[in-house]
Amino acid sequence: MTATSETATWLQEQIEAHAPDKESDPSAAARLAEAYAALAGAKAPAFGMNLPEQVDNRDVLRQRSLELLKQWLAKVDPEMKEKIRAQLAGYGIGSGPPIPPAPPVEDA
């Protein structure tokens, strides 16, 4: 087994362990959000691990993190949803600040 496949296996186990049907603590949603951000390329740890550049099945793991995160978001209170949204925005994911309008074009 290579280091990248070992990392992927460990990540898959962590992601599944934080699913809402396996974990009752809503803070698991925040840990999944962080892992999702890390797998999406943000400078974030995934379950406490700084990910190497190469991770086997990165896209599959990222998608699964998102699926489980959505399940969590359907269960948590609005305050927790807002915390997770802010957490993801802090990593540059999701709705960030609005893009300012372009300056008017002046005819020469």
PDB file of N, CA and C in Angstrom:
ATOM      1  N   MET A   1       0.837  -1.187   0.000  1.00  0.00           N
ATOM      2  CA  MET A   1       0.000   0.000   0.000  1.00  0.00           C
ATOM      3  C   MET A   1       0.878   1.245   0.000  1.00  0.00           C
ATOM      4  N   THR A   2       0.523   2.201  -0.834  1.00  0.00           N
ATOM      5  CA  THR A   2       1.309   3.427  -0.874  1.00  0.00           C
ATOM      6  C   THR A   2       0.817   4.400   0.196  1.00  0.00           C
ATOM      7  N   ALA A   3       1.640   5.396   0.462  1.00  0.00           N
ATOM      8  CA  ALA A   3       1.262   6.392   1.466  1.00  0.00           C
ATOM      9  C   ALA A   3      -0.014   7.135   1.047  1.00  0.00           C
ATOM     10  N   THR A   4      -0.140   7.405  -0.264  1.00  0.00           N
ATOM     11  CA  THR A   4      -1.338   8.128  -0.714  1.00  0.00           C
ATOM     12  C   THR A   4      -2.590   7.271  -0.584  1.00  0.00           C
ATOM     13  N   SER A   5      -2.467   5.962  -0.791  1.00  0.00           N
ATOM     14  CA  SER A   5      -3.654   5.112  -0.625  1.00  0.00           C
ATOM     15  C   SER A   5      -3.954   4.883   0.860  1.00  0.00           C
ATOM     16  N   GLU A   6      -2.923   4.825   1.692  1.00  0.00           N
ATOM     17  CA  GLU A   6      -3.147   4.709   3.142  1.00  0.00           C
ATOM     18  C   GLU A   6      -3.859   5.951   3.671  1.00  0.00           C
ATOM     19  N   THR A   7      -3.432   7.119   3.204  1.00  0.00           N
ATOM     20  CA  THR A   7      -4.085   8.370   3.608  1.00  0.00           C
ATOM     21  C   THR A   7      -5.538   8.361   3.161  1.00  0.00           C
ATOM     22  N   ALA A   8      -5.790   7.938   1.924  1.00  0.00           N
ATOM     23  CA  ALA A   8      -7.154   7.903   1.398  1.00  0.00           C
ATOM     24  C   ALA A   8      -8.022   6.945   2.210  1.00  0.00           C
ATOM     25  N   THR A   9      -7.475   5.790   2.575  1.00  0.00           N
ATOM     26  CA  THR A   9      -8.229   4.821   3.369  1.00  0.00           C
ATOM     27  C   THR A   9      -8.560   5.408   4.738  1.00  0.00           C
ATOM     28  N   TRP A  10      -7.577   6.034   5.367  1.00  0.00           N
ATOM     29  CA  TRP A  10      -7.797   6.651   6.675  1.00  0.00           C
ATOM     30  C   TRP A  10      -8.857   7.747   6.577  1.00  0.00           C
ATOM     31  N   LEU A  11      -8.754   8.598   5.539  1.00  0.00           N
ATOM     32  CA  LEU A  11      -9.733   9.669   5.358  1.00  0.00           C
ATOM     33  C   LEU A  11     -11.135   9.109   5.159  1.00  0.00           C
ATOM     34  N   GLN A  12     -11.246   8.063   4.359  1.00  0.00           N
ATOM     35  CA  GLN A  12     -12.557   7.459   4.121  1.00  0.00           C
ATOM     36  C   GLN A  12     -13.162   6.961   5.430  1.00  0.00           C
ATOM     37  N   GLU A  13     -12.340   6.321   6.258  1.00  0.00           N
ATOM     38  CA  GLU A  13     -12.817   5.838   7.560  1.00  0.00           C
ATOM     39  C   GLU A  13     -13.263   6.998   8.445  1.00  0.00           C
ATOM     40  N   GLN A  14     -12.492   8.078   8.456  1.00  0.00           N
ATOM     41  CA  GLN A  14     -12.847   9.248   9.268  1.00  0.00           C
ATOM     42  C   GLN A  14     -14.140   9.895   8.771  1.00  0.00           C
ATOM     43  N   ILE A  15     -14.254  10.045   7.467  1.00  0.00           N
ATOM     44  CA  ILE A  15     -15.455  10.654   6.884  1.00  0.00           C
ATOM     45  C   ILE A  15     -16.688   9.847   7.278  1.00  0.00           C
ATOM     46  N   GLU A  16     -16.616   8.535   7.105  1.00  0.00           N
ATOM     47  CA  GLU A  16     -17.768   7.681   7.432  1.00  0.00           C
ATOM     48  C   GLU A  16     -18.066   7.703   8.934  1.00  0.00           C
ATOM     49  N   ALA A  17     -17.038   7.778   9.760  1.00  0.00           N
ATOM     50  CA  ALA A  17     -17.242   7.808  11.216  1.00  0.00           C
ATOM     51  C   ALA A  17     -17.934   9.092  11.667  1.00  0.00           C
ATOM     52  N   HIS A  18     -17.880  10.145  10.858  1.00  0.00           N
ATOM     53  CA  HIS A  18     -18.502  11.424  11.201  1.00  0.00           C
ATOM     54  C   HIS A  18     -19.874  11.595  10.552  1.00  0.00           C
ATOM     55  N   ALA A  19     -20.398  10.541   9.963  1.00  0.00           N
ATOM     56  CA  ALA A  19     -21.736  10.592   9.355  1.00  0.00           C
ATOM     57  C   ALA A  19     -22.783  10.788  10.444  1.00  0.00           C
ATOM     58  N   PRO A  20     -23.884  11.466  10.114  1.00  0.00           N
ATOM     59  CA  PRO A  20     -24.900  11.721  11.141  1.00  0.00           C
ATOM     60  C   PRO A  20     -25.562  10.459  11.699  1.00  0.00           C
ATOM     61  N   ASP A  21     -25.524   9.368  10.966  1.00  0.00           N
ATOM     62  CA  ASP A  21     -26.101   8.129  11.505  1.00  0.00           C
ATOM     63  C   ASP A  21     -25.129   7.366  12.404  1.00  0.00           C
ATOM     64  N   LYS A  22     -23.861   7.833  12.468  1.00  0.00           N
ATOM     65  CA  LYS A  22     -22.867   7.169  13.317  1.00  0.00           C
ATOM     66  C   LYS A  22     -22.402   8.055  14.467  1.00  0.00           C
ATOM     67  N   GLU A  23     -22.633   9.342  14.345  1.00  0.00           N
ATOM     68  CA  GLU A  23     -22.141  10.312  15.323  1.00  0.00           C
ATOM     69  C   GLU A  23     -23.299  11.213  15.717  1.00  0.00           C
ATOM     70  N   SER A  24     -23.531  11.364  17.014  1.00  0.00           N
ATOM     71  CA  SER A  24     -24.665  12.192  17.455  1.00  0.00           C
ATOM     72  C   SER A  24     -24.262  13.627  17.766  1.00  0.00           C
ATOM     73  N   ASP A  25     -22.984  13.896  17.916  1.00  0.00           N
ATOM     74  CA  ASP A  25     -22.511  15.233  18.249  1.00  0.00           C
ATOM     75  C   ASP A  25     -22.473  16.107  16.986  1.00  0.00           C
ATOM     76  N   PRO A  26     -23.244  17.199  16.958  1.00  0.00           N
ATOM     77  CA  PRO A  26     -23.265  18.043  15.762  1.00  0.00           C
ATOM     78  C   PRO A  26     -21.916  18.664  15.408  1.00  0.00           C
ATOM     79  N   SER A  27     -20.971  18.674  16.340  1.00  0.00           N
ATOM     80  CA  SER A  27     -19.654  19.213  15.988  1.00  0.00           C
ATOM     81  C   SER A  27     -18.969  18.349  14.931  1.00  0.00           C
ATOM     82  N   ALA A  28     -19.457  17.127  14.737  1.00  0.00           N
ATOM     83  CA  ALA A  28     -18.934  16.286  13.654  1.00  0.00           C
ATOM     84  C   ALA A  28     -19.156  16.956  12.304  1.00  0.00           C
ATOM     85  N   ALA A  29     -20.222  17.738  12.191  1.00  0.00           N
ATOM     86  CA  ALA A  29     -20.497  18.458  10.943  1.00  0.00           C
ATOM     87  C   ALA A  29     -19.384  19.463  10.660  1.00  0.00           C
ATOM     88  N   ALA A  30     -18.902  20.139  11.695  1.00  0.00           N
ATOM     89  CA  ALA A  30     -17.810  21.101  11.513  1.00  0.00           C
ATOM     90  C   ALA A  30     -16.532  20.380  11.095  1.00  0.00           C
ATOM     91  N   ARG A  31     -16.289  19.211  11.655  1.00  0.00           N
ATOM     92  CA  ARG A  31     -15.099  18.450  11.255  1.00  0.00           C
ATOM     93  C   ARG A  31     -15.207  17.973   9.810  1.00  0.00           C
ATOM     94  N   LEU A  32     -16.420  17.582   9.399  1.00  0.00           N
ATOM     95  CA  LEU A  32     -16.623  17.200   7.998  1.00  0.00           C
ATOM     96  C   LEU A  32     -16.430  18.400   7.075  1.00  0.00           C
ATOM     97  N   ALA A  33     -16.924  19.556   7.495  1.00  0.00           N
ATOM     98  CA  ALA A  33     -16.768  20.766   6.679  1.00  0.00           C
ATOM     99  C   ALA A  33     -15.283  21.086   6.492  1.00  0.00           C
ATOM    100  N   GLU A  34     -14.515  20.936   7.558  1.00  0.00           N
ATOM    101  CA  GLU A  34     -13.078  21.185   7.478  1.00  0.00           C
ATOM    102  C   GLU A  34     -12.408  20.189   6.532  1.00  0.00           C
ATOM    103  N   ALA A  35     -12.797  18.917   6.634  1.00  0.00           N
ATOM    104  CA  ALA A  35     -12.236  17.899   5.738  1.00  0.00           C
ATOM    105  C   ALA A  35     -12.617  18.190   4.295  1.00  0.00           C
ATOM    106  N   TYR A  36     -13.874  18.593   4.079  1.00  0.00           N
ATOM    107  CA  TYR A  36     -14.313  18.941   2.731  1.00  0.00           C
ATOM    108  C   TYR A  36     -13.448  20.071   2.179  1.00  0.00           C
ATOM    109  N   ALA A  37     -13.225  21.098   2.994  1.00  0.00           N
ATOM    110  CA  ALA A  37     -12.403  22.229   2.559  1.00  0.00           C
ATOM    111  C   ALA A  37     -10.994  21.768   2.211  1.00  0.00           C
ATOM    112  N   ALA A  38     -10.417  20.919   3.053  1.00  0.00           N
ATOM    113  CA  ALA A  38      -9.061  20.419   2.802  1.00  0.00           C
ATOM    114  C   ALA A  38      -9.008  19.625   1.498  1.00  0.00           C
ATOM    115  N   LEU A  39     -10.006  18.781   1.286  1.00  0.00           N
ATOM    116  CA  LEU A  39     -10.038  17.973   0.064  1.00  0.00           C
ATOM    117  C   LEU A  39     -10.305  18.830  -1.170  1.00  0.00           C
ATOM    118  N   ALA A  40     -10.916  19.995  -0.968  1.00  0.00           N
ATOM    119  CA  ALA A  40     -11.173  20.919  -2.074  1.00  0.00           C
ATOM    120  C   ALA A  40      -9.968  21.815  -2.352  1.00  0.00           C
ATOM    121  N   GLY A  41      -8.901  21.648  -1.572  1.00  0.00           N
ATOM    122  CA  GLY A  41      -7.669  22.386  -1.830  1.00  0.00           C
ATOM    123  C   GLY A  41      -7.396  23.540  -0.889  1.00  0.00           C
ATOM    124  N   ALA A  42      -8.279  23.772   0.094  1.00  0.00           N
ATOM    125  CA  ALA A  42      -8.038  24.853   1.057  1.00  0.00           C
ATOM    126  C   ALA A  42      -6.923  24.447   2.022  1.00  0.00           C
ATOM    127  N   LYS A  43      -6.292  25.448   2.596  1.00  0.00           N
ATOM    128  CA  LYS A  43      -5.262  25.189   3.612  1.00  0.00           C
ATOM    129  C   LYS A  43      -5.957  24.896   4.933  1.00  0.00           C
ATOM    130  N   ALA A  44      -6.527  23.719   5.027  1.00  0.00           N
ATOM    131  CA  ALA A  44      -7.253  23.293   6.220  1.00  0.00           C
ATOM    132  C   ALA A  44      -6.835  21.870   6.531  1.00  0.00           C
ATOM    133  N   PRO A  45      -6.798  21.508   7.811  1.00  0.00           N
ATOM    134  CA  PRO A  45      -6.517  20.109   8.144  1.00  0.00           C
ATOM    135  C   PRO A  45      -7.776  19.269   7.957  1.00  0.00           C
ATOM    136  N   ALA A  46      -7.587  18.020   7.651  1.00  0.00           N
ATOM    137  CA  ALA A  46      -8.702  17.072   7.571  1.00  0.00           C
ATOM    138  C   ALA A  46      -8.585  16.153   8.777  1.00  0.00           C
ATOM    139  N   PHE A  47      -9.476  16.318   9.742  1.00  0.00           N
ATOM    140  CA  PHE A  47      -9.459  15.521  10.971  1.00  0.00           C
ATOM    141  C   PHE A  47      -8.107  15.606  11.652  1.00  0.00           C
ATOM    142  N   GLY A  48      -7.520  16.808  11.642  1.00  0.00           N
ATOM    143  CA  GLY A  48      -6.248  17.050  12.318  1.00  0.00           C
ATOM    144  C   GLY A  48      -5.016  16.773  11.475  1.00  0.00           C
ATOM    145  N   MET A  49      -5.198  16.276  10.269  1.00  0.00           N
ATOM    146  CA  MET A  49      -4.056  15.954   9.408  1.00  0.00           C
ATOM    147  C   MET A  49      -3.929  16.979   8.285  1.00  0.00           C
ATOM    148  N   ASN A  50      -2.725  17.491   8.105  1.00  0.00           N
ATOM    149  CA  ASN A  50      -2.462  18.319   6.933  1.00  0.00           C
ATOM    150  C   ASN A  50      -2.273  17.361   5.767  1.00  0.00           C
ATOM    151  N   LEU A  51      -3.122  17.498   4.764  1.00  0.00           N
ATOM    152  CA  LEU A  51      -3.115  16.537   3.666  1.00  0.00           C
ATOM    153  C   LEU A  51      -1.911  16.727   2.755  1.00  0.00           C
ATOM    154  N   PRO A  52      -1.372  15.603   2.277  1.00  0.00           N
ATOM    155  CA  PRO A  52      -0.327  15.713   1.258  1.00  0.00           C
ATOM    156  C   PRO A  52      -0.963  16.192  -0.052  1.00  0.00           C
ATOM    157  N   GLU A  53      -0.132  16.640  -0.984  1.00  0.00           N
ATOM    158  CA  GLU A  53      -0.679  17.123  -2.249  1.00  0.00           C
ATOM    159  C   GLU A  53      -1.426  16.033  -2.993  1.00  0.00           C
ATOM    160  N   GLN A  54      -0.902  14.837  -2.968  1.00  0.00           N
ATOM    161  CA  GLN A  54      -1.535  13.723  -3.668  1.00  0.00           C
ATOM    162  C   GLN A  54      -2.291  12.848  -2.676  1.00  0.00           C
ATOM    163  N   VAL A  55      -3.576  12.706  -2.907  1.00  0.00           N
ATOM    164  CA  VAL A  55      -4.413  11.797  -2.118  1.00  0.00           C
ATOM    165  C   VAL A  55      -5.228  10.985  -3.110  1.00  0.00           C
ATOM    166  N   ASP A  56      -5.122   9.670  -3.025  1.00  0.00           N
ATOM    167  CA  ASP A  56      -5.912   8.817  -3.913  1.00  0.00           C
ATOM    168  C   ASP A  56      -7.396   9.097  -3.724  1.00  0.00           C
ATOM    169  N   ASN A  57      -8.131   9.106  -4.814  1.00  0.00           N
ATOM    170  CA  ASN A  57      -9.590   9.279  -4.787  1.00  0.00           C
ATOM    171  C   ASN A  57     -10.027  10.577  -4.109  1.00  0.00           C
ATOM    172  N   ARG A  58      -9.247  11.624  -4.245  1.00  0.00           N
ATOM    173  CA  ARG A  58      -9.548  12.916  -3.609  1.00  0.00           C
ATOM    174  C   ARG A  58     -10.959  13.388  -3.973  1.00  0.00           C
ATOM    175  N   ASP A  59     -11.327  13.314  -5.256  1.00  0.00           N
ATOM    176  CA  ASP A  59     -12.638  13.799  -5.680  1.00  0.00           C
ATOM    177  C   ASP A  59     -13.770  12.985  -5.067  1.00  0.00           C
ATOM    178  N   VAL A  60     -13.594  11.673  -4.987  1.00  0.00           N
ATOM    179  CA  VAL A  60     -14.607  10.801  -4.393  1.00  0.00           C
ATOM    180  C   VAL A  60     -14.762  11.119  -2.910  1.00  0.00           C
ATOM    181  N   LEU A  61     -13.649  11.292  -2.224  1.00  0.00           N
ATOM    182  CA  LEU A  61     -13.674  11.614  -0.791  1.00  0.00           C
ATOM    183  C   LEU A  61     -14.308  12.982  -0.553  1.00  0.00           C
ATOM    184  N   ARG A  62     -13.967  13.944  -1.395  1.00  0.00           N
ATOM    185  CA  ARG A  62     -14.545  15.281  -1.257  1.00  0.00           C
ATOM    186  C   ARG A  62     -16.065  15.220  -1.463  1.00  0.00           C
ATOM    187  N   GLN A  63     -16.502  14.478  -2.466  1.00  0.00           N
ATOM    188  CA  GLN A  63     -17.936  14.358  -2.743  1.00  0.00           C
ATOM    189  C   GLN A  63     -18.666  13.689  -1.579  1.00  0.00           C
ATOM    190  N   ARG A  64     -18.066  12.644  -1.020  1.00  0.00           N
ATOM    191  CA  ARG A  64     -18.696  11.958   0.113  1.00  0.00           C
ATOM    192  C   ARG A  64     -18.767  12.876   1.332  1.00  0.00           C
ATOM    193  N   SER A  65     -17.725  13.663   1.566  1.00  0.00           N
ATOM    194  CA  SER A  65     -17.747  14.630   2.665  1.00  0.00           C
ATOM    195  C   SER A  65     -18.904  15.598   2.488  1.00  0.00           C
ATOM    196  N   LEU A  66     -19.096  16.056   1.263  1.00  0.00           N
ATOM    197  CA  LEU A  66     -20.173  16.992   0.981  1.00  0.00           C
ATOM    198  C   LEU A  66     -21.544  16.342   1.185  1.00  0.00           C
ATOM    199  N   GLU A  67     -21.701  15.104   0.732  1.00  0.00           N
ATOM    200  CA  GLU A  67     -22.977  14.389   0.923  1.00  0.00           C
ATOM    201  C   GLU A  67     -23.331  14.298   2.406  1.00  0.00           C
ATOM    202  N   LEU A  68     -22.366  13.890   3.211  1.00  0.00           N
ATOM    203  CA  LEU A  68     -22.619  13.741   4.647  1.00  0.00           C
ATOM    204  C   LEU A  68     -22.824  15.100   5.313  1.00  0.00           C
ATOM    205  N   LEU A  69     -22.094  16.102   4.853  1.00  0.00           N
ATOM    206  CA  LEU A  69     -22.265  17.442   5.399  1.00  0.00           C
ATOM    207  C   LEU A  69     -23.691  17.940   5.129  1.00  0.00           C
ATOM    208  N   LYS A  70     -24.197  17.673   3.939  1.00  0.00           N
ATOM    209  CA  LYS A  70     -25.574  18.070   3.620  1.00  0.00           C
ATOM    210  C   LYS A  70     -26.575  17.352   4.526  1.00  0.00           C
ATOM    211  N   GLN A  71     -26.308  16.083   4.829  1.00  0.00           N
ATOM    212  CA  GLN A  71     -27.186  15.350   5.751  1.00  0.00           C
ATOM    213  C   GLN A  71     -27.167  16.018   7.128  1.00  0.00           C
ATOM    214  N   TRP A  72     -25.976  16.415   7.568  1.00  0.00           N
ATOM    215  CA  TRP A  72     -25.863  17.098   8.860  1.00  0.00           C
ATOM    216  C   TRP A  72     -26.628  18.408   8.841  1.00  0.00           C
ATOM    217  N   LEU A  73     -26.480  19.175   7.757  1.00  0.00           N
ATOM    218  CA  LEU A  73     -27.123  20.482   7.686  1.00  0.00           C
ATOM    219  C   LEU A  73     -28.645  20.374   7.759  1.00  0.00           C
ATOM    220  N   ALA A  74     -29.181  19.247   7.337  1.00  0.00           N
ATOM    221  CA  ALA A  74     -30.627  19.036   7.434  1.00  0.00           C
ATOM    222  C   ALA A  74     -31.051  18.767   8.881  1.00  0.00           C
ATOM    223  N   LYS A  75     -30.097  18.446   9.746  1.00  0.00           N
ATOM    224  CA  LYS A  75     -30.408  18.068  11.133  1.00  0.00           C
ATOM    225  C   LYS A  75     -30.070  19.126  12.180  1.00  0.00           C
ATOM    226  N   VAL A  76     -29.101  19.980  11.882  1.00  0.00           N
ATOM    227  CA  VAL A  76     -28.619  20.909  12.908  1.00  0.00           C
ATOM    228  C   VAL A  76     -29.467  22.181  12.956  1.00  0.00           C
ATOM    229  N   ASP A  77     -29.339  22.909  14.063  1.00  0.00           N
ATOM    230  CA  ASP A  77     -30.109  24.142  14.226  1.00  0.00           C
ATOM    231  C   ASP A  77     -29.513  25.261  13.366  1.00  0.00           C
ATOM    232  N   PRO A  78     -30.303  26.331  13.157  1.00  0.00           N
ATOM    233  CA  PRO A  78     -29.834  27.430  12.293  1.00  0.00           C
ATOM    234  C   PRO A  78     -28.504  28.042  12.735  1.00  0.00           C
ATOM    235  N   GLU A  79     -28.281  28.098  14.049  1.00  0.00           N
ATOM    236  CA  GLU A  79     -27.024  28.670  14.543  1.00  0.00           C
ATOM    237  C   GLU A  79     -25.827  27.838  14.082  1.00  0.00           C
ATOM    238  N   MET A  80     -25.950  26.508  14.174  1.00  0.00           N
ATOM    239  CA  MET A  80     -24.864  25.626  13.735  1.00  0.00           C
ATOM    240  C   MET A  80     -24.680  25.714  12.223  1.00  0.00           C
ATOM    241  N   LYS A  81     -25.772  25.803  11.486  1.00  0.00           N
ATOM    242  CA  LYS A  81     -25.677  25.955  10.026  1.00  0.00           C
ATOM    243  C   LYS A  81     -24.880  27.201   9.680  1.00  0.00           C
ATOM    244  N   GLU A  82     -25.154  28.290  10.383  1.00  0.00           N
ATOM    245  CA  GLU A  82     -24.458  29.548  10.112  1.00  0.00           C
ATOM    246  C   GLU A  82     -22.977  29.427  10.455  1.00  0.00           C
ATOM    247  N   LYS A  83     -22.653  28.740  11.549  1.00  0.00           N
ATOM    248  CA  LYS A  83     -21.245  28.529  11.919  1.00  0.00           C
ATOM    249  C   LYS A  83     -20.510  27.755  10.822  1.00  0.00           C
ATOM    250  N   ILE A  84     -21.171  26.727  10.290  1.00  0.00           N
ATOM    251  CA  ILE A  84     -20.536  25.912   9.243  1.00  0.00           C
ATOM    252  C   ILE A  84     -20.381  26.729   7.961  1.00  0.00           C
ATOM    253  N   ARG A  85     -21.403  27.516   7.624  1.00  0.00           N
ATOM    254  CA  ARG A  85     -21.317  28.360   6.434  1.00  0.00           C
ATOM    255  C   ARG A  85     -20.150  29.334   6.577  1.00  0.00           C
ATOM    256  N   ALA A  86     -20.027  29.950   7.754  1.00  0.00           N
ATOM    257  CA  ALA A  86     -18.934  30.886   8.002  1.00  0.00           C
ATOM    258  C   ALA A  86     -17.580  30.172   7.957  1.00  0.00           C
ATOM    259  N   GLN A  87     -17.545  28.957   8.497  1.00  0.00           N
ATOM    260  CA  GLN A  87     -16.308  28.170   8.483  1.00  0.00           C
ATOM    261  C   GLN A  87     -15.875  27.915   7.036  1.00  0.00           C
ATOM    262  N   LEU A  88     -16.803  27.468   6.205  1.00  0.00           N
ATOM    263  CA  LEU A  88     -16.469  27.205   4.804  1.00  0.00           C
ATOM    264  C   LEU A  88     -16.092  28.490   4.075  1.00  0.00           C
ATOM    265  N   ALA A  89     -16.797  29.570   4.359  1.00  0.00           N
ATOM    266  CA  ALA A  89     -16.473  30.853   3.727  1.00  0.00           C
ATOM    267  C   ALA A  89     -15.064  31.296   4.113  1.00  0.00           C
ATOM    268  N   GLY A  90     -14.673  31.000   5.347  1.00  0.00           N
ATOM    269  CA  GLY A  90     -13.324  31.327   5.794  1.00  0.00           C
ATOM    270  C   GLY A  90     -12.251  30.599   4.998  1.00  0.00           C
ATOM    271  N   TYR A  91     -12.603  29.449   4.464  1.00  0.00           N
ATOM    272  CA  TYR A  91     -11.676  28.697   3.606  1.00  0.00           C
ATOM    273  C   TYR A  91     -11.865  29.050   2.138  1.00  0.00           C
ATOM    274  N   GLY A  92     -12.722  30.037   1.863  1.00  0.00           N
ATOM    275  CA  GLY A  92     -12.940  30.460   0.480  1.00  0.00           C
ATOM    276  C   GLY A  92     -13.916  29.577  -0.269  1.00  0.00           C
ATOM    277  N   ILE A  93     -14.771  28.859   0.461  1.00  0.00           N
ATOM    278  CA  ILE A  93     -15.734  27.953  -0.167  1.00  0.00           C
ATOM    279  C   ILE A  93     -17.135  28.465   0.109  1.00  0.00           C
ATOM    280  N   GLY A  94     -17.957  28.448  -0.903  1.00  0.00           N
ATOM    281  CA  GLY A  94     -19.342  28.873  -0.711  1.00  0.00           C
ATOM    282  C   GLY A  94     -19.507  30.355  -0.966  1.00  0.00           C
ATOM    283  N   SER A  95     -20.523  30.914  -0.371  1.00  0.00           N
ATOM    284  CA  SER A  95     -20.843  32.314  -0.631  1.00  0.00           C
ATOM    285  C   SER A  95     -19.930  33.214   0.175  1.00  0.00           C
ATOM    286  N   GLY A  96     -19.074  33.886  -0.514  1.00  0.00           N
ATOM    287  CA  GLY A  96     -18.198  34.853   0.121  1.00  0.00           C
ATOM    288  C   GLY A  96     -18.798  36.236  -0.024  1.00  0.00           C
ATOM    289  N   PRO A  97     -17.990  37.260   0.146  1.00  0.00           N
ATOM    290  CA  PRO A  97     -18.518  38.615  -0.011  1.00  0.00           C
ATOM    291  C   PRO A  97     -18.931  38.843  -1.459  1.00  0.00           C
ATOM    292  N   PRO A  98     -19.919  39.709  -1.688  1.00  0.00           N
ATOM    293  CA  PRO A  98     -20.360  39.957  -3.060  1.00  0.00           C
ATOM    294  C   PRO A  98     -19.246  40.611  -3.869  1.00  0.00           C
ATOM    295  N   ILE A  99     -19.243  40.345  -5.130  1.00  0.00           N
ATOM    296  CA  ILE A  99     -18.253  40.925  -6.027  1.00  0.00           C
ATOM    297  C   ILE A  99     -18.712  42.351  -6.326  1.00  0.00           C
ATOM    298  N   PRO A 100     -17.835  43.335  -6.130  1.00  0.00           N
ATOM    299  CA  PRO A 100     -18.269  44.707  -6.395  1.00  0.00           C
ATOM    300  C   PRO A 100     -18.548  44.902  -7.882  1.00  0.00           C
ATOM    301  N   PRO A 101     -19.477  45.799  -8.206  1.00  0.00           N
ATOM    302  CA  PRO A 101     -19.772  46.041  -9.622  1.00  0.00           C
ATOM    303  C   PRO A 101     -18.579  46.658 -10.317  1.00  0.00           C
ATOM    304  N   ALA A 102     -18.479  46.406 -11.591  1.00  0.00           N
ATOM    305  CA  ALA A 102     -17.392  46.985 -12.391  1.00  0.00           C
ATOM    306  C   ALA A 102     -17.603  48.488 -12.486  1.00  0.00           C
ATOM    307  N   PRO A 103     -16.499  49.261 -12.548  1.00  0.00           N
ATOM    308  CA  PRO A 103     -16.665  50.704 -12.694  1.00  0.00           C
ATOM    309  C   PRO A 103     -17.300  51.019 -14.054  1.00  0.00           C
ATOM    310  N   PRO A 104     -18.016  52.132 -14.139  1.00  0.00           N
ATOM    311  CA  PRO A 104     -18.640  52.474 -15.417  1.00  0.00           C
ATOM    312  C   PRO A 104     -17.582  52.721 -16.486  1.00  0.00           C
ATOM    313  N   VAL A 105     -17.901  52.344 -17.702  1.00  0.00           N
ATOM    314  CA  VAL A 105     -16.995  52.548 -18.820  1.00  0.00           C
ATOM    315  C   VAL A 105     -17.272  53.939 -19.392  1.00  0.00           C
ATOM    316  N   GLU A 106     -16.209  54.710 -19.492  1.00  0.00           N
ATOM    317  CA  GLU A 106     -16.369  56.077 -20.022  1.00  0.00           C
ATOM    318  C   GLU A 106     -16.057  56.073 -21.501  1.00  0.00           C
ATOM    319  N   ASP A 107     -16.899  56.758 -22.255  1.00  0.00           N
ATOM    320  CA  ASP A 107     -16.643  56.894 -23.693  1.00  0.00           C
ATOM    321  C   ASP A 107     -15.557  57.933 -23.903  1.00  0.00           C
ATOM    322  N   ALA A 108     -14.595  57.591 -24.765  1.00  0.00           N
ATOM    323  CA  ALA A 108     -13.486  58.531 -25.005  1.00  0.00           C
ATOM    324  C   ALA A 108     -13.779  59.394 -26.210  1.00  0.00           C
TER     325      ALA A 108
END
